[in-house]
Amino acid sequence: MKIAILGTGSQAVSVARRIHQHEVVFGSCESSADLTRWLAASTGRSIRVVSPQEAVGEAQVVLLAAAEDELARLVAAAGSFTGKFVLQAGS
């Protein structure tokens, strides 16, 4: 199963570390090679960082794991969540 995590901060990293046996893709409005390297090093896994829309589009499960101000921007950029199982990480 593919899981999209919207957000790239400490909360998103913490959750990604606990997901085993599933592919994880991060959705972010800003993407760079440095961010991808940092997330890979922080999570200890191979990851991809794509747009929120692409992340949601290819995943079965979407985890919202960003601060409130960033979360609104990520959700707006993601588009439709139809047919997705959506969870929000606690703060």
PDB file of N, CA and C in Angstrom:
ATOM      1  N   MET A   1       0.847  -1.163   0.000  1.00  0.00           N
ATOM      2  CA  MET A   1       0.000   0.000   0.000  1.00  0.00           C
ATOM      3  C   MET A   1       0.897   1.231   0.000  1.00  0.00           C
ATOM      4  N   LYS A   2       0.450   2.264  -0.707  1.00  0.00           N
ATOM      5  CA  LYS A   2       1.196   3.514  -0.742  1.00  0.00           C
ATOM      6  C   LYS A   2       0.515   4.525   0.178  1.00  0.00           C
ATOM      7  N   ILE A   3       1.334   5.167   1.008  1.00  0.00           N
ATOM      8  CA  ILE A   3       0.846   6.156   1.959  1.00  0.00           C
ATOM      9  C   ILE A   3       1.459   7.506   1.609  1.00  0.00           C
ATOM     10  N   ALA A   4       0.609   8.503   1.445  1.00  0.00           N
ATOM     11  CA  ALA A   4       1.071   9.870   1.205  1.00  0.00           C
ATOM     12  C   ALA A   4       1.067  10.608   2.531  1.00  0.00           C
ATOM     13  N   ILE A   5       2.166  11.272   2.828  1.00  0.00           N
ATOM     14  CA  ILE A   5       2.240  12.119   4.008  1.00  0.00           C
ATOM     15  C   ILE A   5       2.331  13.554   3.520  1.00  0.00           C
ATOM     16  N   LEU A   6       1.312  14.358   3.842  1.00  0.00           N
ATOM     17  CA  LEU A   6       1.345  15.767   3.483  1.00  0.00           C
ATOM     18  C   LEU A   6       2.017  16.518   4.619  1.00  0.00           C
ATOM     19  N   GLY A   7       3.187  17.032   4.334  1.00  0.00           N
ATOM     20  CA  GLY A   7       4.004  17.720   5.312  1.00  0.00           C
ATOM     21  C   GLY A   7       5.401  17.141   5.285  1.00  0.00           C
ATOM     22  N   THR A   8       6.379  17.939   5.717  1.00  0.00           N
ATOM     23  CA  THR A   8       7.768  17.480   5.701  1.00  0.00           C
ATOM     24  C   THR A   8       8.496  17.865   6.980  1.00  0.00           C
ATOM     25  N   GLY A   9       7.755  18.255   7.995  1.00  0.00           N
ATOM     26  CA  GLY A   9       8.372  18.661   9.251  1.00  0.00           C
ATOM     27  C   GLY A   9       8.584  17.498  10.196  1.00  0.00           C
ATOM     28  N   SER A  10       8.863  17.824  11.446  1.00  0.00           N
ATOM     29  CA  SER A  10       9.189  16.800  12.440  1.00  0.00           C
ATOM     30  C   SER A  10       8.036  15.829  12.678  1.00  0.00           C
ATOM     31  N   GLN A  11       6.814  16.305  12.635  1.00  0.00           N
ATOM     32  CA  GLN A  11       5.663  15.424  12.825  1.00  0.00           C
ATOM     33  C   GLN A  11       5.580  14.396  11.693  1.00  0.00           C
ATOM     34  N   ALA A  12       5.753  14.843  10.466  1.00  0.00           N
ATOM     35  CA  ALA A  12       5.712  13.950   9.309  1.00  0.00           C
ATOM     36  C   ALA A  12       6.845  12.928   9.367  1.00  0.00           C
ATOM     37  N   VAL A  13       8.023  13.371   9.745  1.00  0.00           N
ATOM     38  CA  VAL A  13       9.176  12.477   9.856  1.00  0.00           C
ATOM     39  C   VAL A  13       8.939  11.430  10.935  1.00  0.00           C
ATOM     40  N   SER A  14       8.418  11.854  12.067  1.00  0.00           N
ATOM     41  CA  SER A  14       8.145  10.940  13.170  1.00  0.00           C
ATOM     42  C   SER A  14       7.184   9.824  12.742  1.00  0.00           C
ATOM     43  N   VAL A  15       6.147  10.181  12.021  1.00  0.00           N
ATOM     44  CA  VAL A  15       5.180   9.188  11.554  1.00  0.00           C
ATOM     45  C   VAL A  15       5.823   8.262  10.517  1.00  0.00           C
ATOM     46  N   ALA A  16       6.577   8.824   9.590  1.00  0.00           N
ATOM     47  CA  ALA A  16       7.198   8.023   8.529  1.00  0.00           C
ATOM     48  C   ALA A  16       8.143   6.975   9.104  1.00  0.00           C
ATOM     49  N   ARG A  17       8.815   7.302  10.195  1.00  0.00           N
ATOM     50  CA  ARG A  17       9.726   6.337  10.831  1.00  0.00           C
ATOM     51  C   ARG A  17       8.981   5.102  11.337  1.00  0.00           C
ATOM     52  N   ARG A  18       7.708   5.257  11.630  1.00  0.00           N
ATOM     53  CA  ARG A  18       6.937   4.166  12.222  1.00  0.00           C
ATOM     54  C   ARG A  18       6.163   3.331  11.193  1.00  0.00           C
ATOM     55  N   ILE A  19       6.226   3.733   9.955  1.00  0.00           N
ATOM     56  CA  ILE A  19       5.510   3.003   8.899  1.00  0.00           C
ATOM     57  C   ILE A  19       6.461   1.988   8.282  1.00  0.00           C
ATOM     58  N   HIS A  20       6.089   0.735   8.393  1.00  0.00           N
ATOM     59  CA  HIS A  20       6.926  -0.339   7.861  1.00  0.00           C
ATOM     60  C   HIS A  20       6.118  -1.122   6.825  1.00  0.00           C
ATOM     61  N   GLN A  21       6.799  -1.683   5.885  1.00  0.00           N
ATOM     62  CA  GLN A  21       6.215  -2.542   4.859  1.00  0.00           C
ATOM     63  C   GLN A  21       5.239  -1.818   3.936  1.00  0.00           C
ATOM     64  N   HIS A  22       5.307  -0.508   3.892  1.00  0.00           N
ATOM     65  CA  HIS A  22       4.472   0.261   2.968  1.00  0.00           C
ATOM     66  C   HIS A  22       5.341   1.349   2.337  1.00  0.00           C
ATOM     67  N   GLU A  23       5.016   1.685   1.123  1.00  0.00           N
ATOM     68  CA  GLU A  23       5.731   2.765   0.444  1.00  0.00           C
ATOM     69  C   GLU A  23       5.196   4.100   0.939  1.00  0.00           C
ATOM     70  N   VAL A  24       6.108   5.032   1.196  1.00  0.00           N
ATOM     71  CA  VAL A  24       5.737   6.363   1.667  1.00  0.00           C
ATOM     72  C   VAL A  24       6.187   7.393   0.647  1.00  0.00           C
ATOM     73  N   VAL A  25       5.304   8.324   0.333  1.00  0.00           N
ATOM     74  CA  VAL A  25       5.641   9.457  -0.516  1.00  0.00           C
ATOM     75  C   VAL A  25       5.240  10.717   0.240  1.00  0.00           C
ATOM     76  N   PHE A  26       6.107  11.716   0.241  1.00  0.00           N
ATOM     77  CA  PHE A  26       5.814  12.973   0.905  1.00  0.00           C
ATOM     78  C   PHE A  26       5.242  13.963  -0.090  1.00  0.00           C
ATOM     79  N   GLY A  27       4.205  14.678   0.316  1.00  0.00           N
ATOM     80  CA  GLY A  27       3.638  15.743  -0.494  1.00  0.00           C
ATOM     81  C   GLY A  27       4.033  17.080   0.093  1.00  0.00           C
ATOM     82  N   SER A  28       4.626  17.931  -0.727  1.00  0.00           N
ATOM     83  CA  SER A  28       5.100  19.238  -0.269  1.00  0.00           C
ATOM     84  C   SER A  28       4.932  20.272  -1.366  1.00  0.00           C
ATOM     85  N   CYS A  29       4.651  21.497  -0.956  1.00  0.00           N
ATOM     86  CA  CYS A  29       4.560  22.593  -1.927  1.00  0.00           C
ATOM     87  C   CYS A  29       5.949  23.050  -2.360  1.00  0.00           C
ATOM     88  N   GLU A  30       6.953  22.746  -1.555  1.00  0.00           N
ATOM     89  CA  GLU A  30       8.335  23.050  -1.909  1.00  0.00           C
ATOM     90  C   GLU A  30       9.102  21.741  -1.971  1.00  0.00           C
ATOM     91  N   SER A  31       9.793  21.541  -3.063  1.00  0.00           N
ATOM     92  CA  SER A  31      10.560  20.313  -3.207  1.00  0.00           C
ATOM     93  C   SER A  31      11.962  20.664  -3.684  1.00  0.00           C
ATOM     94  N   SER A  32      12.933  20.007  -3.100  1.00  0.00           N
ATOM     95  CA  SER A  32      14.313  20.224  -3.528  1.00  0.00           C
ATOM     96  C   SER A  32      15.111  18.969  -3.220  1.00  0.00           C
ATOM     97  N   ALA A  33      16.254  18.877  -3.828  1.00  0.00           N
ATOM     98  CA  ALA A  33      17.132  17.737  -3.572  1.00  0.00           C
ATOM     99  C   ALA A  33      17.585  17.736  -2.117  1.00  0.00           C
ATOM    100  N   ASP A  34      17.817  18.921  -1.553  1.00  0.00           N
ATOM    101  CA  ASP A  34      18.234  19.009  -0.152  1.00  0.00           C
ATOM    102  C   ASP A  34      17.141  18.492   0.778  1.00  0.00           C
ATOM    103  N   LEU A  35      15.894  18.857   0.506  1.00  0.00           N
ATOM    104  CA  LEU A  35      14.782  18.392   1.324  1.00  0.00           C
ATOM    105  C   LEU A  35      14.656  16.873   1.224  1.00  0.00           C
ATOM    106  N   THR A  36      14.758  16.345   0.034  1.00  0.00           N
ATOM    107  CA  THR A  36      14.662  14.900  -0.159  1.00  0.00           C
ATOM    108  C   THR A  36      15.778  14.180   0.592  1.00  0.00           C
ATOM    109  N   ARG A  37      16.993  14.691   0.497  1.00  0.00           N
ATOM    110  CA  ARG A  37      18.122  14.073   1.217  1.00  0.00           C
ATOM    111  C   ARG A  37      17.899  14.135   2.728  1.00  0.00           C
ATOM    112  N   TRP A  38      17.424  15.277   3.218  1.00  0.00           N
ATOM    113  CA  TRP A  38      17.177  15.436   4.648  1.00  0.00           C
ATOM    114  C   TRP A  38      16.107  14.462   5.127  1.00  0.00           C
ATOM    115  N   LEU A  39      15.013  14.339   4.370  1.00  0.00           N
ATOM    116  CA  LEU A  39      13.946  13.415   4.756  1.00  0.00           C
ATOM    117  C   LEU A  39      14.423  11.968   4.731  1.00  0.00           C
ATOM    118  N   ALA A  40      15.206  11.609   3.727  1.00  0.00           N
ATOM    119  CA  ALA A  40      15.726  10.246   3.650  1.00  0.00           C
ATOM    120  C   ALA A  40      16.628   9.961   4.844  1.00  0.00           C
ATOM    121  N   ALA A  41      17.494  10.901   5.185  1.00  0.00           N
ATOM    122  CA  ALA A  41      18.384  10.718   6.333  1.00  0.00           C
ATOM    123  C   ALA A  41      17.595  10.692   7.642  1.00  0.00           C
ATOM    124  N   SER A  42      16.584  11.522   7.752  1.00  0.00           N
ATOM    125  CA  SER A  42      15.790  11.613   8.983  1.00  0.00           C
ATOM    126  C   SER A  42      14.892  10.411   9.206  1.00  0.00           C
ATOM    127  N   THR A  43      14.422   9.809   8.122  1.00  0.00           N
ATOM    128  CA  THR A  43      13.514   8.668   8.251  1.00  0.00           C
ATOM    129  C   THR A  43      14.234   7.333   8.135  1.00  0.00           C
ATOM    130  N   GLY A  44      15.433   7.350   7.572  1.00  0.00           N
ATOM    131  CA  GLY A  44      16.171   6.104   7.389  1.00  0.00           C
ATOM    132  C   GLY A  44      15.610   5.236   6.285  1.00  0.00           C
ATOM    133  N   ARG A  45      14.963   5.857   5.310  1.00  0.00           N
ATOM    134  CA  ARG A  45      14.365   5.087   4.216  1.00  0.00           C
ATOM    135  C   ARG A  45      14.477   5.862   2.920  1.00  0.00           C
ATOM    136  N   SER A  46      14.288   5.168   1.833  1.00  0.00           N
ATOM    137  CA  SER A  46      14.250   5.797   0.524  1.00  0.00           C
ATOM    138  C   SER A  46      12.877   6.445   0.350  1.00  0.00           C
ATOM    139  N   ILE A  47      12.850   7.696   0.008  1.00  0.00           N
ATOM    140  CA  ILE A  47      11.568   8.406  -0.119  1.00  0.00           C
ATOM    141  C   ILE A  47      11.579   9.277  -1.373  1.00  0.00           C
ATOM    142  N   ARG A  48      10.367   9.741  -1.704  1.00  0.00           N
ATOM    143  CA  ARG A  48      10.214  10.721  -2.778  1.00  0.00           C
ATOM    144  C   ARG A  48       9.423  11.888  -2.221  1.00  0.00           C
ATOM    145  N   VAL A  49       9.716  13.073  -2.735  1.00  0.00           N
ATOM    146  CA  VAL A  49       8.952  14.271  -2.404  1.00  0.00           C
ATOM    147  C   VAL A  49       8.345  14.771  -3.706  1.00  0.00           C
ATOM    148  N   VAL A  50       7.026  14.854  -3.734  1.00  0.00           N
ATOM    149  CA  VAL A  50       6.304  15.286  -4.927  1.00  0.00           C
ATOM    150  C   VAL A  50       5.283  16.347  -4.519  1.00  0.00           C
ATOM    151  N   SER A  51       4.556  16.860  -5.477  1.00  0.00           N
ATOM    152  CA  SER A  51       3.517  17.843  -5.172  1.00  0.00           C
ATOM    153  C   SER A  51       2.415  17.180  -4.348  1.00  0.00           C
ATOM    154  N   PRO A  52       1.687  17.958  -3.561  1.00  0.00           N
ATOM    155  CA  PRO A  52       0.574  17.375  -2.801  1.00  0.00           C
ATOM    156  C   PRO A  52      -0.430  16.658  -3.703  1.00  0.00           C
ATOM    157  N   GLN A  53      -0.729  17.220  -4.853  1.00  0.00           N
ATOM    158  CA  GLN A  53      -1.689  16.615  -5.770  1.00  0.00           C
ATOM    159  C   GLN A  53      -1.195  15.250  -6.256  1.00  0.00           C
ATOM    160  N   GLU A  54       0.062  15.166  -6.623  1.00  0.00           N
ATOM    161  CA  GLU A  54       0.624  13.896  -7.084  1.00  0.00           C
ATOM    162  C   GLU A  54       0.658  12.870  -5.952  1.00  0.00           C
ATOM    163  N   ALA A  55       1.051  13.296  -4.764  1.00  0.00           N
ATOM    164  CA  ALA A  55       1.115  12.383  -3.615  1.00  0.00           C
ATOM    165  C   ALA A  55      -0.253  11.789  -3.308  1.00  0.00           C
ATOM    166  N   VAL A  56      -1.269  12.634  -3.232  1.00  0.00           N
ATOM    167  CA  VAL A  56      -2.623  12.158  -2.934  1.00  0.00           C
ATOM    168  C   VAL A  56      -3.143  11.283  -4.065  1.00  0.00           C
ATOM    169  N   GLY A  57      -2.856  11.674  -5.294  1.00  0.00           N
ATOM    170  CA  GLY A  57      -3.348  10.927  -6.450  1.00  0.00           C
ATOM    171  C   GLY A  57      -2.854   9.501  -6.514  1.00  0.00           C
ATOM    172  N   GLU A  58      -1.635   9.247  -6.046  1.00  0.00           N
ATOM    173  CA  GLU A  58      -1.085   7.900  -6.188  1.00  0.00           C
ATOM    174  C   GLU A  58      -1.197   7.049  -4.926  1.00  0.00           C
ATOM    175  N   ALA A  59      -1.702   7.595  -3.839  1.00  0.00           N
ATOM    176  CA  ALA A  59      -1.775   6.858  -2.572  1.00  0.00           C
ATOM    177  C   ALA A  59      -3.189   6.388  -2.260  1.00  0.00           C
ATOM    178  N   GLN A  60      -3.255   5.326  -1.476  1.00  0.00           N
ATOM    179  CA  GLN A  60      -4.551   4.845  -0.983  1.00  0.00           C
ATOM    180  C   GLN A  60      -4.896   5.503   0.347  1.00  0.00           C
ATOM    181  N   VAL A  61      -3.858   5.835   1.119  1.00  0.00           N
ATOM    182  CA  VAL A  61      -4.020   6.447   2.434  1.00  0.00           C
ATOM    183  C   VAL A  61      -3.270   7.767   2.435  1.00  0.00           C
ATOM    184  N   VAL A  62      -3.898   8.804   3.004  1.00  0.00           N
ATOM    185  CA  VAL A  62      -3.271  10.122   3.101  1.00  0.00           C
ATOM    186  C   VAL A  62      -3.197  10.498   4.572  1.00  0.00           C
ATOM    187  N   LEU A  63      -2.001  10.853   5.013  1.00  0.00           N
ATOM    188  CA  LEU A  63      -1.798  11.295   6.380  1.00  0.00           C
ATOM    189  C   LEU A  63      -1.475  12.779   6.372  1.00  0.00           C
ATOM    190  N   LEU A  64      -2.279  13.555   7.055  1.00  0.00           N
ATOM    191  CA  LEU A  64      -2.052  14.993   7.166  1.00  0.00           C
ATOM    192  C   LEU A  64      -1.152  15.222   8.371  1.00  0.00           C
ATOM    193  N   ALA A  65       0.074  15.687   8.142  1.00  0.00           N
ATOM    194  CA  ALA A  65       1.057  15.810   9.222  1.00  0.00           C
ATOM    195  C   ALA A  65       1.847  17.098   9.063  1.00  0.00           C
ATOM    196  N   ALA A  66       1.155  18.209   9.234  1.00  0.00           N
ATOM    197  CA  ALA A  66       1.807  19.505   9.113  1.00  0.00           C
ATOM    198  C   ALA A  66       1.162  20.479  10.097  1.00  0.00           C
ATOM    199  N   ALA A  67       1.862  21.553  10.362  1.00  0.00           N
ATOM    200  CA  ALA A  67       1.313  22.606  11.218  1.00  0.00           C
ATOM    201  C   ALA A  67       0.085  23.209  10.539  1.00  0.00           C
ATOM    202  N   GLU A  68      -0.817  23.747  11.339  1.00  0.00           N
ATOM    203  CA  GLU A  68      -2.098  24.239  10.820  1.00  0.00           C
ATOM    204  C   GLU A  68      -1.969  25.194   9.637  1.00  0.00           C
ATOM    205  N   ASP A  69      -1.070  26.162   9.729  1.00  0.00           N
ATOM    206  CA  ASP A  69      -0.932  27.138   8.640  1.00  0.00           C
ATOM    207  C   ASP A  69      -0.453  26.479   7.351  1.00  0.00           C
ATOM    208  N   GLU A  70       0.463  25.534   7.454  1.00  0.00           N
ATOM    209  CA  GLU A  70       0.959  24.824   6.278  1.00  0.00           C
ATOM    210  C   GLU A  70      -0.057  23.800   5.788  1.00  0.00           C
ATOM    211  N   LEU A  71      -0.787  23.203   6.697  1.00  0.00           N
ATOM    212  CA  LEU A  71      -1.753  22.173   6.339  1.00  0.00           C
ATOM    213  C   LEU A  71      -2.823  22.704   5.395  1.00  0.00           C
ATOM    214  N   ALA A  72      -3.332  23.892   5.662  1.00  0.00           N
ATOM    215  CA  ALA A  72      -4.356  24.484   4.794  1.00  0.00           C
ATOM    216  C   ALA A  72      -3.838  24.636   3.370  1.00  0.00           C
ATOM    217  N   ARG A  73      -2.602  25.052   3.229  1.00  0.00           N
ATOM    218  CA  ARG A  73      -2.001  25.230   1.899  1.00  0.00           C
ATOM    219  C   ARG A  73      -1.812  23.881   1.207  1.00  0.00           C
ATOM    220  N   LEU A  74      -1.379  22.864   1.945  1.00  0.00           N
ATOM    221  CA  LEU A  74      -1.174  21.539   1.367  1.00  0.00           C
ATOM    222  C   LEU A  74      -2.486  20.914   0.911  1.00  0.00           C
ATOM    223  N   VAL A  75      -3.519  21.036   1.745  1.00  0.00           N
ATOM    224  CA  VAL A  75      -4.825  20.468   1.402  1.00  0.00           C
ATOM    225  C   VAL A  75      -5.393  21.152   0.164  1.00  0.00           C
ATOM    226  N   ALA A  76      -5.278  22.463   0.088  1.00  0.00           N
ATOM    227  CA  ALA A  76      -5.771  23.197  -1.082  1.00  0.00           C
ATOM    228  C   ALA A  76      -5.028  22.772  -2.348  1.00  0.00           C
ATOM    229  N   ALA A  77      -3.722  22.549  -2.222  1.00  0.00           N
ATOM    230  CA  ALA A  77      -2.919  22.161  -3.385  1.00  0.00           C
ATOM    231  C   ALA A  77      -3.142  20.704  -3.790  1.00  0.00           C
ATOM    232  N   ALA A  78      -3.647  19.892  -2.865  1.00  0.00           N
ATOM    233  CA  ALA A  78      -3.801  18.461  -3.133  1.00  0.00           C
ATOM    234  C   ALA A  78      -4.957  18.146  -4.061  1.00  0.00           C
ATOM    235  N   GLY A  79      -5.988  18.985  -4.067  1.00  0.00           N
ATOM    236  CA  GLY A  79      -7.144  18.693  -4.903  1.00  0.00           C
ATOM    237  C   GLY A  79      -8.085  17.726  -4.225  1.00  0.00           C
ATOM    238  N   SER A  80      -8.579  16.765  -4.947  1.00  0.00           N
ATOM    239  CA  SER A  80      -9.611  15.851  -4.453  1.00  0.00           C
ATOM    240  C   SER A  80      -9.037  14.721  -3.592  1.00  0.00           C
ATOM    241  N   PHE A  81      -9.736  14.438  -2.514  1.00  0.00           N
ATOM    242  CA  PHE A  81      -9.400  13.312  -1.647  1.00  0.00           C
ATOM    243  C   PHE A  81     -10.410  12.173  -1.823  1.00  0.00           C
ATOM    244  N   THR A  82     -11.206  12.250  -2.868  1.00  0.00           N
ATOM    245  CA  THR A  82     -12.242  11.245  -3.111  1.00  0.00           C
ATOM    246  C   THR A  82     -11.633   9.845  -3.196  1.00  0.00           C
ATOM    247  N   GLY A  83     -12.208   8.924  -2.450  1.00  0.00           N
ATOM    248  CA  GLY A  83     -11.756   7.548  -2.464  1.00  0.00           C
ATOM    249  C   GLY A  83     -10.520   7.277  -1.625  1.00  0.00           C
ATOM    250  N   LYS A  84     -10.050   8.271  -0.900  1.00  0.00           N
ATOM    251  CA  LYS A  84      -8.844   8.117  -0.082  1.00  0.00           C
ATOM    252  C   LYS A  84      -9.239   7.965   1.383  1.00  0.00           C
ATOM    253  N   PHE A  85      -8.469   7.201   2.113  1.00  0.00           N
ATOM    254  CA  PHE A  85      -8.616   7.105   3.553  1.00  0.00           C
ATOM    255  C   PHE A  85      -7.707   8.174   4.133  1.00  0.00           C
ATOM    256  N   VAL A  86      -8.264   9.172   4.820  1.00  0.00           N
ATOM    257  CA  VAL A  86      -7.497  10.328   5.286  1.00  0.00           C
ATOM    258  C   VAL A  86      -7.429  10.327   6.807  1.00  0.00           C
ATOM    259  N   LEU A  87      -6.231  10.486   7.324  1.00  0.00           N
ATOM    260  CA  LEU A  87      -5.968  10.570   8.759  1.00  0.00           C
ATOM    261  C   LEU A  87      -5.214  11.856   9.054  1.00  0.00           C
ATOM    262  N   GLN A  88      -5.448  12.419  10.223  1.00  0.00           N
ATOM    263  CA  GLN A  88      -4.691  13.599  10.629  1.00  0.00           C
ATOM    264  C   GLN A  88      -3.868  13.252  11.852  1.00  0.00           C
ATOM    265  N   ALA A  89      -2.569  13.510  11.775  1.00  0.00           N
ATOM    266  CA  ALA A  89      -1.670  13.239  12.900  1.00  0.00           C
ATOM    267  C   ALA A  89      -1.978  14.228  14.020  1.00  0.00           C
ATOM    268  N   GLY A  90      -1.869  13.766  15.236  1.00  0.00           N
ATOM    269  CA  GLY A  90      -2.094  14.631  16.394  1.00  0.00           C
ATOM    270  C   GLY A  90      -0.962  15.620  16.571  1.00  0.00           C
ATOM    271  N   SER A  91      -1.261  16.695  17.273  1.00  0.00           N
ATOM    272  CA  SER A  91      -0.218  17.714  17.469  1.00  0.00           C
ATOM    273  C   SER A  91       0.486  17.590  18.777  1.00  0.00           C
TER     274      SER A  91
END
